[in-house]
């Protein structure tokens, strides 16, 4: 993903410990439980796909984003 990102997707990193209020708001607004590591793909202002722990892989991200 790093070498060939989908140019139609905005990527944002939220550091949970450093940005707890932002992280809590995301969890509340999207109805997701905090897990770490975690990826949340938001499409049309709603949770479209999420993965956590061992499911956070380049292959999973590429399959969803491409």
PDB file of N, CA and C in Angstrom:
ATOM      1  N   UNK A   1       0.821  -1.188   0.000  1.00  0.00           N
ATOM      2  CA  UNK A   1       0.000   0.000   0.000  1.00  0.00           C
ATOM      3  C   UNK A   1       0.868   1.257   0.000  1.00  0.00           C
ATOM      4  N   UNK A   2       1.939   1.225   0.735  1.00  0.00           N
ATOM      5  CA  UNK A   2       2.791   2.400   0.839  1.00  0.00           C
ATOM      6  C   UNK A   2       3.401   2.753  -0.515  1.00  0.00           C
ATOM      7  N   UNK A   3       3.732   1.744  -1.312  1.00  0.00           N
ATOM      8  CA  UNK A   3       4.357   1.985  -2.602  1.00  0.00           C
ATOM      9  C   UNK A   3       3.358   2.368  -3.686  1.00  0.00           C
ATOM     10  N   UNK A   4       2.092   1.980  -3.517  1.00  0.00           N
ATOM     11  CA  UNK A   4       1.095   2.233  -4.549  1.00  0.00           C
ATOM     12  C   UNK A   4      -0.268   2.529  -3.916  1.00  0.00           C
ATOM     13  N   UNK A   5      -0.403   3.668  -3.209  1.00  0.00           N
ATOM     14  CA  UNK A   5      -1.681   3.967  -2.549  1.00  0.00           C
ATOM     15  C   UNK A   5      -2.781   4.295  -3.550  1.00  0.00           C
ATOM     16  N   UNK A   6      -4.006   4.008  -3.165  1.00  0.00           N
ATOM     17  CA  UNK A   6      -5.172   4.380  -3.963  1.00  0.00           C
ATOM     18  C   UNK A   6      -5.319   5.889  -3.849  1.00  0.00           C
ATOM     19  N   UNK A   7      -5.175   6.599  -4.937  1.00  0.00           N
ATOM     20  CA  UNK A   7      -5.190   8.068  -4.932  1.00  0.00           C
ATOM     21  C   UNK A   7      -6.584   8.646  -4.673  1.00  0.00           C
ATOM     22  N   UNK A   8      -7.609   7.819  -4.718  1.00  0.00           N
ATOM     23  CA  UNK A   8      -8.975   8.292  -4.489  1.00  0.00           C
ATOM     24  C   UNK A   8      -9.401   8.141  -3.030  1.00  0.00           C
ATOM     25  N   UNK A   9      -8.474   7.714  -2.176  1.00  0.00           N
ATOM     26  CA  UNK A   9      -8.764   7.495  -0.760  1.00  0.00           C
ATOM     27  C   UNK A   9      -7.891   8.429   0.068  1.00  0.00           C
ATOM     28  N   UNK A  10      -8.489   9.079   1.070  1.00  0.00           N
ATOM     29  CA  UNK A  10      -7.725   9.875   2.027  1.00  0.00           C
ATOM     30  C   UNK A  10      -7.328   8.963   3.177  1.00  0.00           C
ATOM     31  N   UNK A  11      -6.054   8.940   3.508  1.00  0.00           N
ATOM     32  CA  UNK A  11      -5.546   8.111   4.593  1.00  0.00           C
ATOM     33  C   UNK A  11      -5.264   8.995   5.801  1.00  0.00           C
ATOM     34  N   UNK A  12      -5.740   8.580   6.978  1.00  0.00           N
ATOM     35  CA  UNK A  12      -5.536   9.348   8.200  1.00  0.00           C
ATOM     36  C   UNK A  12      -5.083   8.397   9.298  1.00  0.00           C
ATOM     37  N   UNK A  13      -4.069   8.784  10.024  1.00  0.00           N
ATOM     38  CA  UNK A  13      -3.586   8.009  11.161  1.00  0.00           C
ATOM     39  C   UNK A  13      -3.999   8.725  12.434  1.00  0.00           C
ATOM     40  N   UNK A  14      -4.692   8.018  13.311  1.00  0.00           N
ATOM     41  CA  UNK A  14      -5.055   8.567  14.616  1.00  0.00           C
ATOM     42  C   UNK A  14      -4.274   7.782  15.659  1.00  0.00           C
ATOM     43  N   UNK A  15      -3.421   8.469  16.377  1.00  0.00           N
ATOM     44  CA  UNK A  15      -2.676   7.836  17.468  1.00  0.00           C
ATOM     45  C   UNK A  15      -3.570   7.875  18.700  1.00  0.00           C
ATOM     46  N   UNK A  16      -4.068   6.707  19.073  1.00  0.00           N
ATOM     47  CA  UNK A  16      -5.109   6.605  20.096  1.00  0.00           C
ATOM     48  C   UNK A  16      -4.690   7.224  21.423  1.00  0.00           C
ATOM     49  N   UNK A  17      -3.515   6.919  21.899  1.00  0.00           N
ATOM     50  CA  UNK A  17      -3.094   7.433  23.207  1.00  0.00           C
ATOM     51  C   UNK A  17      -2.913   8.949  23.163  1.00  0.00           C
ATOM     52  N   UNK A  18      -2.293   9.450  22.108  1.00  0.00           N
ATOM     53  CA  UNK A  18      -2.037  10.879  21.998  1.00  0.00           C
ATOM     54  C   UNK A  18      -3.290  11.677  21.642  1.00  0.00           C
ATOM     55  N   UNK A  19      -4.265  11.030  21.034  1.00  0.00           N
ATOM     56  CA  UNK A  19      -5.469  11.728  20.562  1.00  0.00           C
ATOM     57  C   UNK A  19      -6.730  11.028  21.048  1.00  0.00           C
ATOM     58  N   UNK A  20      -6.781  10.739  22.326  1.00  0.00           N
ATOM     59  CA  UNK A  20      -7.906   9.983  22.887  1.00  0.00           C
ATOM     60  C   UNK A  20      -9.271  10.612  22.581  1.00  0.00           C
ATOM     61  N   UNK A  21      -9.466  11.936  22.700  1.00  0.00           N
ATOM     62  CA  UNK A  21     -10.783  12.500  22.375  1.00  0.00           C
ATOM     63  C   UNK A  21     -11.192  12.245  20.919  1.00  0.00           C
ATOM     64  N   UNK A  22     -10.247  12.345  20.004  1.00  0.00           N
ATOM     65  CA  UNK A  22     -10.543  12.087  18.588  1.00  0.00           C
ATOM     66  C   UNK A  22     -10.894  10.617  18.400  1.00  0.00           C
ATOM     67  N   UNK A  23     -10.101   9.753  18.994  1.00  0.00           N
ATOM     68  CA  UNK A  23     -10.334   8.316  18.899  1.00  0.00           C
ATOM     69  C   UNK A  23     -11.699   7.932  19.470  1.00  0.00           C
ATOM     70  N   UNK A  24     -12.036   8.486  20.621  1.00  0.00           N
ATOM     71  CA  UNK A  24     -13.341   8.198  21.234  1.00  0.00           C
ATOM     72  C   UNK A  24     -14.487   8.680  20.351  1.00  0.00           C
ATOM     73  N   UNK A  25     -14.327   9.827  19.740  1.00  0.00           N
ATOM     74  CA  UNK A  25     -15.379  10.374  18.871  1.00  0.00           C
ATOM     75  C   UNK A  25     -15.575   9.490  17.641  1.00  0.00           C
ATOM     76  N   UNK A  26     -14.481   9.031  17.061  1.00  0.00           N
ATOM     77  CA  UNK A  26     -14.570   8.128  15.909  1.00  0.00           C
ATOM     78  C   UNK A  26     -15.312   6.854  16.300  1.00  0.00           C
ATOM     79  N   UNK A  27     -14.938   6.269  17.426  1.00  0.00           N
ATOM     80  CA  UNK A  27     -15.587   5.040  17.890  1.00  0.00           C
ATOM     81  C   UNK A  27     -17.080   5.258  18.109  1.00  0.00           C
ATOM     82  N   UNK A  28     -17.422   6.372  18.723  1.00  0.00           N
ATOM     83  CA  UNK A  28     -18.832   6.678  18.997  1.00  0.00           C
ATOM     84  C   UNK A  28     -19.610   6.938  17.707  1.00  0.00           C
ATOM     85  N   UNK A  29     -19.065   7.781  16.847  1.00  0.00           N
ATOM     86  CA  UNK A  29     -19.765   8.146  15.608  1.00  0.00           C
ATOM     87  C   UNK A  29     -19.959   6.963  14.666  1.00  0.00           C
ATOM     88  N   UNK A  30     -18.971   6.056  14.631  1.00  0.00           N
ATOM     89  CA  UNK A  30     -19.034   4.941  13.690  1.00  0.00           C
ATOM     90  C   UNK A  30     -19.539   3.646  14.320  1.00  0.00           C
ATOM     91  N   UNK A  31     -19.707   3.653  15.637  1.00  0.00           N
ATOM     92  CA  UNK A  31     -20.196   2.459  16.320  1.00  0.00           C
ATOM     93  C   UNK A  31     -19.205   1.312  16.298  1.00  0.00           C
ATOM     94  N   UNK A  32     -17.923   1.638  16.461  1.00  0.00           N
ATOM     95  CA  UNK A  32     -16.895   0.597  16.486  1.00  0.00           C
ATOM     96  C   UNK A  32     -16.253   0.537  17.861  1.00  0.00           C
ATOM     97  N   UNK A  33     -15.815  -0.639  18.235  1.00  0.00           N
ATOM     98  CA  UNK A  33     -15.103  -0.845  19.489  1.00  0.00           C
ATOM     99  C   UNK A  33     -13.621  -0.595  19.237  1.00  0.00           C
ATOM    100  N   UNK A  34     -12.954   0.071  20.178  1.00  0.00           N
ATOM    101  CA  UNK A  34     -11.512   0.291  20.068  1.00  0.00           C
ATOM    102  C   UNK A  34     -10.774  -1.038  20.093  1.00  0.00           C
ATOM    103  N   UNK A  35      -9.880  -1.213  19.145  1.00  0.00           N
ATOM    104  CA  UNK A  35      -8.966  -2.346  19.148  1.00  0.00           C
ATOM    105  C   UNK A  35      -7.643  -1.827  18.614  1.00  0.00           C
ATOM    106  N   UNK A  36      -6.574  -2.521  18.916  1.00  0.00           N
ATOM    107  CA  UNK A  36      -5.278  -2.041  18.468  1.00  0.00           C
ATOM    108  C   UNK A  36      -4.390  -3.222  18.087  1.00  0.00           C
ATOM    109  N   UNK A  37      -3.807  -3.156  16.914  1.00  0.00           N
ATOM    110  CA  UNK A  37      -3.995  -2.148  15.872  1.00  0.00           C
ATOM    111  C   UNK A  37      -5.355  -2.322  15.198  1.00  0.00           C
ATOM    112  N   UNK A  38      -5.788  -1.281  14.524  1.00  0.00           N
ATOM    113  CA  UNK A  38      -7.109  -1.308  13.896  1.00  0.00           C
ATOM    114  C   UNK A  38      -7.125  -0.415  12.662  1.00  0.00           C
ATOM    115  N   UNK A  39      -7.862  -0.863  11.657  1.00  0.00           N
ATOM    116  CA  UNK A  39      -8.105  -0.066  10.459  1.00  0.00           C
ATOM    117  C   UNK A  39      -9.609   0.089  10.328  1.00  0.00           C
ATOM    118  N   UNK A  40     -10.045   1.301  10.068  1.00  0.00           N
ATOM    119  CA  UNK A  40     -11.461   1.556   9.809  1.00  0.00           C
ATOM    120  C   UNK A  40     -11.538   2.279   8.471  1.00  0.00           C
ATOM    121  N   UNK A  41     -12.226   1.679   7.530  1.00  0.00           N
ATOM    122  CA  UNK A  41     -12.430   2.308   6.224  1.00  0.00           C
ATOM    123  C   UNK A  41     -13.804   2.960   6.255  1.00  0.00           C
ATOM    124  N   UNK A  42     -13.818   4.278   6.103  1.00  0.00           N
ATOM    125  CA  UNK A  42     -15.057   5.050   6.135  1.00  0.00           C
ATOM    126  C   UNK A  42     -15.406   5.442   4.705  1.00  0.00           C
ATOM    127  N   UNK A  43     -16.624   5.122   4.307  1.00  0.00           N
ATOM    128  CA  UNK A  43     -17.093   5.445   2.963  1.00  0.00           C
ATOM    129  C   UNK A  43     -18.485   6.043   3.099  1.00  0.00           C
ATOM    130  N   UNK A  44     -18.704   7.178   2.466  1.00  0.00           N
ATOM    131  CA  UNK A  44     -19.990   7.877   2.561  1.00  0.00           C
ATOM    132  C   UNK A  44     -20.364   8.152   4.018  1.00  0.00           C
ATOM    133  N   UNK A  45     -19.359   8.548   4.803  1.00  0.00           N
ATOM    134  CA  UNK A  45     -19.521   8.954   6.206  1.00  0.00           C
ATOM    135  C   UNK A  45     -20.001   7.831   7.128  1.00  0.00           C
ATOM    136  N   UNK A  46     -19.791   6.577   6.729  1.00  0.00           N
ATOM    137  CA  UNK A  46     -20.179   5.434   7.557  1.00  0.00           C
ATOM    138  C   UNK A  46     -19.079   4.379   7.521  1.00  0.00           C
ATOM    139  N   UNK A  47     -19.052   3.532   8.546  1.00  0.00           N
ATOM    140  CA  UNK A  47     -18.082   2.440   8.572  1.00  0.00           C
ATOM    141  C   UNK A  47     -18.396   1.498   7.421  1.00  0.00           C
ATOM    142  N   UNK A  48     -17.415   1.271   6.567  1.00  0.00           N
ATOM    143  CA  UNK A  48     -17.573   0.389   5.413  1.00  0.00           C
ATOM    144  C   UNK A  48     -16.894  -0.949   5.670  1.00  0.00           C
ATOM    145  N   UNK A  49     -15.713  -0.893   6.317  1.00  0.00           N
ATOM    146  CA  UNK A  49     -14.924  -2.102   6.581  1.00  0.00           C
ATOM    147  C   UNK A  49     -14.011  -1.818   7.754  1.00  0.00           C
ATOM    148  N   UNK A  50     -13.769  -2.822   8.564  1.00  0.00           N
ATOM    149  CA  UNK A  50     -12.833  -2.682   9.675  1.00  0.00           C
ATOM    150  C   UNK A  50     -12.056  -3.976   9.855  1.00  0.00           C
ATOM    151  N   UNK A  51     -10.840  -3.838  10.319  1.00  0.00           N
ATOM    152  CA  UNK A  51      -9.994  -4.995  10.612  1.00  0.00           C
ATOM    153  C   UNK A  51      -9.158  -4.657  11.835  1.00  0.00           C
ATOM    154  N   UNK A  52      -8.823  -5.677  12.593  1.00  0.00           N
ATOM    155  CA  UNK A  52      -7.981  -5.446  13.764  1.00  0.00           C
ATOM    156  C   UNK A  52      -7.056  -6.637  13.985  1.00  0.00           C
ATOM    157  N   UNK A  53      -6.074  -6.403  14.820  1.00  0.00           N
ATOM    158  CA  UNK A  53      -5.097  -7.409  15.225  1.00  0.00           C
ATOM    159  C   UNK A  53      -4.448  -8.079  14.013  1.00  0.00           C
ATOM    160  N   UNK A  54      -4.502  -9.389  13.909  1.00  0.00           N
ATOM    161  CA  UNK A  54      -3.789 -10.097  12.836  1.00  0.00           C
ATOM    162  C   UNK A  54      -4.417  -9.900  11.462  1.00  0.00           C
ATOM    163  N   UNK A  55      -5.623  -9.338  11.400  1.00  0.00           N
ATOM    164  CA  UNK A  55      -6.265  -9.075  10.104  1.00  0.00           C
ATOM    165  C   UNK A  55      -5.767  -7.774   9.474  1.00  0.00           C
ATOM    166  N   UNK A  56      -4.960  -7.009  10.198  1.00  0.00           N
ATOM    167  CA  UNK A  56      -4.400  -5.767   9.660  1.00  0.00           C
ATOM    168  C   UNK A  56      -3.176  -6.136   8.828  1.00  0.00           C
ATOM    169  N   UNK A  57      -3.408  -6.318   7.538  1.00  0.00           N
ATOM    170  CA  UNK A  57      -2.327  -6.686   6.626  1.00  0.00           C
ATOM    171  C   UNK A  57      -2.428  -5.872   5.346  1.00  0.00           C
ATOM    172  N   UNK A  58      -1.328  -5.763   4.657  1.00  0.00           N
ATOM    173  CA  UNK A  58      -1.327  -5.074   3.361  1.00  0.00           C
ATOM    174  C   UNK A  58      -2.259  -5.769   2.383  1.00  0.00           C
ATOM    175  N   UNK A  59      -2.298  -7.089   2.426  1.00  0.00           N
ATOM    176  CA  UNK A  59      -3.158  -7.844   1.505  1.00  0.00           C
ATOM    177  C   UNK A  59      -4.634  -7.525   1.735  1.00  0.00           C
ATOM    178  N   UNK A  60      -5.058  -7.466   3.003  1.00  0.00           N
ATOM    179  CA  UNK A  60      -6.456  -7.127   3.297  1.00  0.00           C
ATOM    180  C   UNK A  60      -6.776  -5.707   2.847  1.00  0.00           C
ATOM    181  N   UNK A  61      -5.883  -4.776   3.138  1.00  0.00           N
ATOM    182  CA  UNK A  61      -6.121  -3.388   2.738  1.00  0.00           C
ATOM    183  C   UNK A  61      -6.197  -3.262   1.223  1.00  0.00           C
ATOM    184  N   UNK A  62      -5.298  -3.910   0.520  1.00  0.00           N
ATOM    185  CA  UNK A  62      -5.296  -3.837  -0.942  1.00  0.00           C
ATOM    186  C   UNK A  62      -6.579  -4.422  -1.522  1.00  0.00           C
ATOM    187  N   UNK A  63      -7.060  -5.513  -0.951  1.00  0.00           N
ATOM    188  CA  UNK A  63      -8.282  -6.146  -1.453  1.00  0.00           C
ATOM    189  C   UNK A  63      -9.490  -5.225  -1.302  1.00  0.00           C
ATOM    190  N   UNK A  64      -9.534  -4.465  -0.231  1.00  0.00           N
ATOM    191  CA  UNK A  64     -10.673  -3.581   0.021  1.00  0.00           C
ATOM    192  C   UNK A  64     -10.543  -2.267  -0.742  1.00  0.00           C
ATOM    193  N   UNK A  65      -9.343  -1.734  -0.822  1.00  0.00           N
ATOM    194  CA  UNK A  65      -9.149  -0.398  -1.384  1.00  0.00           C
ATOM    195  C   UNK A  65      -8.937  -0.367  -2.889  1.00  0.00           C
ATOM    196  N   UNK A  66      -8.648  -1.491  -3.488  1.00  0.00           N
ATOM    197  CA  UNK A  66      -8.389  -1.489  -4.940  1.00  0.00           C
ATOM    198  C   UNK A  66      -9.513  -2.124  -5.711  1.00  0.00           C
TER     199      UNK A  66
END
